[in-house]
Amino acid sequence: MAVKLRLTRVGKKKQPQYRIVAADARSPRDGRFIEILGHYDPRQEPSGLTVDNDKAVKWLSEGAQPTERVAKLLEISGAMEQYKAAK
């Protein structure tokens, strides 16, 4: 099973908020996921970001592939640095 770290949209119409999740690559965007790793709110100023770096590093070390946006968010949170240091 190929695991991806990606964003899942939650929130009301015209008010997006996102969860950072580990999900099977074959499941739909807002469908089933394995675990929630954090939250991202682009509407706040500055953008709200909370990530459980330990969970993110665990998934990255197990071979999960982040999407482009999630990779940027993980760099901001510091999870990518932890992953590269542990590697």
Protein backbone atom coordinates (compact mmCIF):
# COMPACT_ATOMS: atom_id res chain seq x y z
CA MET A 1 0.00 0.00 0.00
CA ALA A 2 1.43 3.36 -1.07
CA VAL A 3 0.96 5.99 1.64
CA LYS A 4 0.84 9.71 0.88
CA LEU A 5 0.95 12.64 3.26
CA ARG A 6 -1.62 15.08 1.89
CA LEU A 7 -4.22 17.71 2.71
CA THR A 8 -7.88 16.91 3.32
CA ARG A 9 -10.32 19.80 3.08
CA VAL A 10 -12.65 20.52 5.97
CA GLY A 11 -14.65 23.62 6.88
CA LYS A 12 -17.62 25.45 5.48
CA LYS A 13 -18.21 26.64 1.94
CA LYS A 14 -15.76 29.42 0.99
CA GLN A 15 -13.97 28.93 4.36
CA PRO A 16 -11.37 26.21 3.78
CA GLN A 17 -9.37 24.57 6.52
CA TYR A 18 -7.22 21.53 5.97
CA ARG A 19 -6.04 18.49 7.86
CA ILE A 20 -2.64 17.00 7.13
CA VAL A 21 -3.25 13.25 6.93
CA ALA A 22 -1.51 10.02 6.07
CA ALA A 23 -3.74 8.25 3.54
CA ASP A 24 -3.65 5.44 1.00
CA ALA A 25 -2.74 6.97 -2.37
CA ARG A 26 -5.79 5.31 -3.96
CA SER A 27 -8.36 6.84 -1.60
CA PRO A 28 -10.18 10.08 -2.58
CA ARG A 29 -9.06 13.49 -1.32
CA ASP A 30 -11.67 13.78 1.43
CA GLY A 31 -12.08 10.02 1.87
CA ARG A 32 -10.55 7.50 4.22
CA PHE A 33 -7.27 8.25 5.91
CA ILE A 34 -4.98 6.38 8.28
CA GLU A 35 -3.94 9.10 10.73
CA ILE A 36 -4.25 12.86 11.26
CA LEU A 37 -0.85 14.54 11.54
CA GLY A 38 -1.89 18.18 11.91
CA HIS A 39 -4.03 21.12 10.83
CA TYR A 40 -3.52 24.02 8.41
CA ASP A 41 -5.64 27.17 8.28
CA PRO A 42 -4.61 29.42 5.36
CA ARG A 43 -7.22 32.10 6.21
CA GLN A 44 -5.53 33.28 9.40
CA GLU A 45 -2.92 36.02 9.27
CA PRO A 46 -0.28 34.55 9.50
CA SER A 47 -1.44 31.10 8.40
CA GLY A 48 -2.23 28.72 11.25
CA LEU A 49 -0.18 25.53 11.24
CA THR A 50 0.00 22.77 13.83
CA VAL A 51 1.87 19.57 13.04
CA ASP A 52 2.79 16.59 15.21
CA ASN A 53 6.40 16.38 14.01
CA ASP A 54 7.03 12.99 15.66
CA LYS A 55 4.16 11.37 13.73
CA ALA A 56 5.24 13.06 10.49
CA VAL A 57 8.84 11.85 10.87
CA LYS A 58 7.57 8.33 11.63
CA TRP A 59 5.52 8.25 8.41
CA LEU A 60 8.34 9.73 6.33
CA SER A 61 10.77 7.12 7.67
CA GLU A 62 8.29 4.38 6.74
CA GLY A 63 8.30 5.61 3.13
CA ALA A 64 5.27 7.89 2.92
CA GLN A 65 5.50 10.45 0.10
CA PRO A 66 4.34 14.02 0.86
CA THR A 67 2.60 16.13 -1.75
CA GLU A 68 4.28 19.40 -2.79
CA ARG A 69 2.19 21.57 -0.44
CA VAL A 70 2.57 19.19 2.51
CA ALA A 71 6.34 19.05 1.95
CA LYS A 72 6.47 22.87 2.22
CA LEU A 73 4.34 22.82 5.38
CA LEU A 74 6.56 20.14 6.93
CA GLU A 75 9.62 22.28 6.18
CA ILE A 76 7.98 25.24 7.93
CA SER A 77 7.12 23.12 10.98
CA GLY A 78 10.62 21.62 11.15
CA ALA A 79 9.59 18.00 10.58
CA MET A 80 11.72 17.68 7.41
CA GLU A 81 14.83 18.78 9.33
CA GLN A 82 14.12 16.17 12.02
CA TYR A 83 13.64 13.52 9.33
CA LYS A 84 16.88 14.40 7.54
CA ALA A 85 18.78 14.49 10.85
CA ALA A 86 17.44 11.07 11.85
CA LYS A 87 18.24 9.60 8.43
